[in-house]
Protein backbone atom coordinates (compact mmCIF):
# COMPACT_ATOMS: atom_id res chain seq x y z
CA MET A 1 -7.74 20.32 52.11
CA ALA A 2 -7.43 16.93 49.94
CA LYS A 3 -5.09 16.91 47.08
CA LYS A 4 -6.32 15.45 43.88
CA ARG A 5 -4.50 12.93 41.91
CA ARG A 6 -3.84 12.99 38.24
CA SER A 7 -2.20 9.83 36.09
CA GLU A 8 -2.20 9.37 32.76
CA THR A 9 -1.80 6.05 30.13
CA ILE A 10 -0.52 6.54 26.60
CA ILE A 11 -1.05 3.87 24.35
CA GLU A 12 0.79 2.86 21.62
CA MET A 13 -1.20 0.13 18.83
CA HIS A 14 1.30 -0.99 16.01
CA GLU A 15 -0.52 -2.91 13.12
CA VAL A 16 1.91 -5.18 10.80
CA LEU A 17 -0.16 -6.02 7.13
CA MET A 18 1.69 -9.12 5.57
CA ILE A 19 1.26 -10.28 1.96
CA ARG A 20 1.29 -13.36 1.03
CA ARG A 21 2.41 -14.61 -2.60
CA THR A 22 2.12 -17.92 -4.31
CA ALA A 23 5.99 -18.20 -6.68
CA GLY A 24 6.82 -16.08 -9.22
CA ARG A 25 3.39 -14.00 -8.68
CA SER A 26 5.36 -11.07 -6.84
CA LEU A 27 7.96 -9.73 -8.72
CA SER A 28 6.65 -8.01 -12.16
CA TRP A 29 8.52 -5.68 -14.34
CA CYS A 30 7.95 -1.71 -14.45
CA ALA A 31 8.39 0.62 -17.24
CA GLU A 32 8.05 3.56 -15.47
CA CYS A 33 10.68 2.61 -12.85
CA ALA A 34 12.17 0.38 -15.82
CA ALA A 35 13.56 -2.49 -13.08
CA GLU A 36 11.28 -5.59 -11.49
CA VAL A 37 9.43 -4.35 -8.81
CA GLY A 38 7.23 -5.73 -6.61
CA MET A 39 3.60 -5.32 -7.83
CA LEU A 40 0.34 -4.80 -5.51
CA THR A 41 -3.40 -4.96 -6.24
CA PRO A 42 -5.04 -1.84 -5.46
CA GLU A 43 -6.17 -3.23 -2.60
CA GLU A 44 -3.82 -4.48 -1.47
CA ALA A 45 -1.45 -0.88 -2.05
CA ALA A 46 -4.66 0.68 -0.13
CA ALA A 47 -4.18 -1.71 3.11
CA ILE A 48 -0.76 -0.71 2.72
CA ALA A 49 -1.15 3.21 2.46
CA GLY A 50 -3.60 2.79 4.76
CA VAL A 51 -6.25 4.77 2.69
CA SER A 52 -9.36 4.20 0.57
CA ALA A 53 -9.28 2.28 -2.30
CA ARG A 54 -10.22 4.87 -4.45
CA SER A 55 -7.98 7.11 -3.78
CA ILE A 56 -5.52 5.08 -4.62
CA TYR A 57 -7.48 4.76 -7.91
CA ARG A 58 -7.75 8.58 -8.23
CA ARG A 59 -3.80 8.55 -7.63
CA ILE A 60 -3.43 6.16 -10.71
CA GLU A 61 -5.31 8.67 -12.75
CA ALA A 62 -3.78 11.56 -11.62
CA GLY A 63 0.10 9.73 -12.54
CA GLN A 64 1.58 9.04 -9.13
CA LEU A 65 1.48 5.54 -9.57
CA HIS A 66 2.66 3.20 -11.77
CA PHE A 67 0.84 0.03 -13.03
CA VAL A 68 0.45 -2.77 -14.91
CA GLU A 69 -3.09 -4.52 -16.89
CA THR A 70 -2.92 -7.59 -17.11
CA PRO A 71 -4.20 -9.51 -20.49
CA ASP A 72 -6.68 -11.41 -17.88
CA GLY A 73 -7.75 -7.54 -17.52
CA ARG A 74 -6.44 -7.11 -13.73
CA LEU A 75 -4.83 -3.93 -12.78
CA LEU A 76 -1.65 -4.39 -10.60
CA LEU A 77 -0.11 -1.27 -9.27
CA CYS A 78 4.05 -1.01 -8.66
CA PHE A 79 4.98 -0.96 -4.71
CA ARG A 80 7.83 1.29 -5.57
CA SER A 81 5.37 4.15 -7.21
CA LEU A 82 3.29 3.83 -3.58
CA VAL A 83 5.90 4.07 -1.10
CA ARG A 84 7.91 7.49 -2.79
């Protein structure tokens, strides 16, 4: 009678996301945190959180994320509120 052999392979994958900014643009004042914090676009926040941009907008509407709107109409999110 032949013996059966079983082998198992486990693969771990890690992803690193780097966001590069120009000097002076990476920190802004968050009134909710009362501190200078890193600010992200909704797309960057979605990539960091591993969710869709729509999910980020839902969290903004629910008051779960701090944000500011720039004079030119761009939306920037507080990094601290994202990682809490």
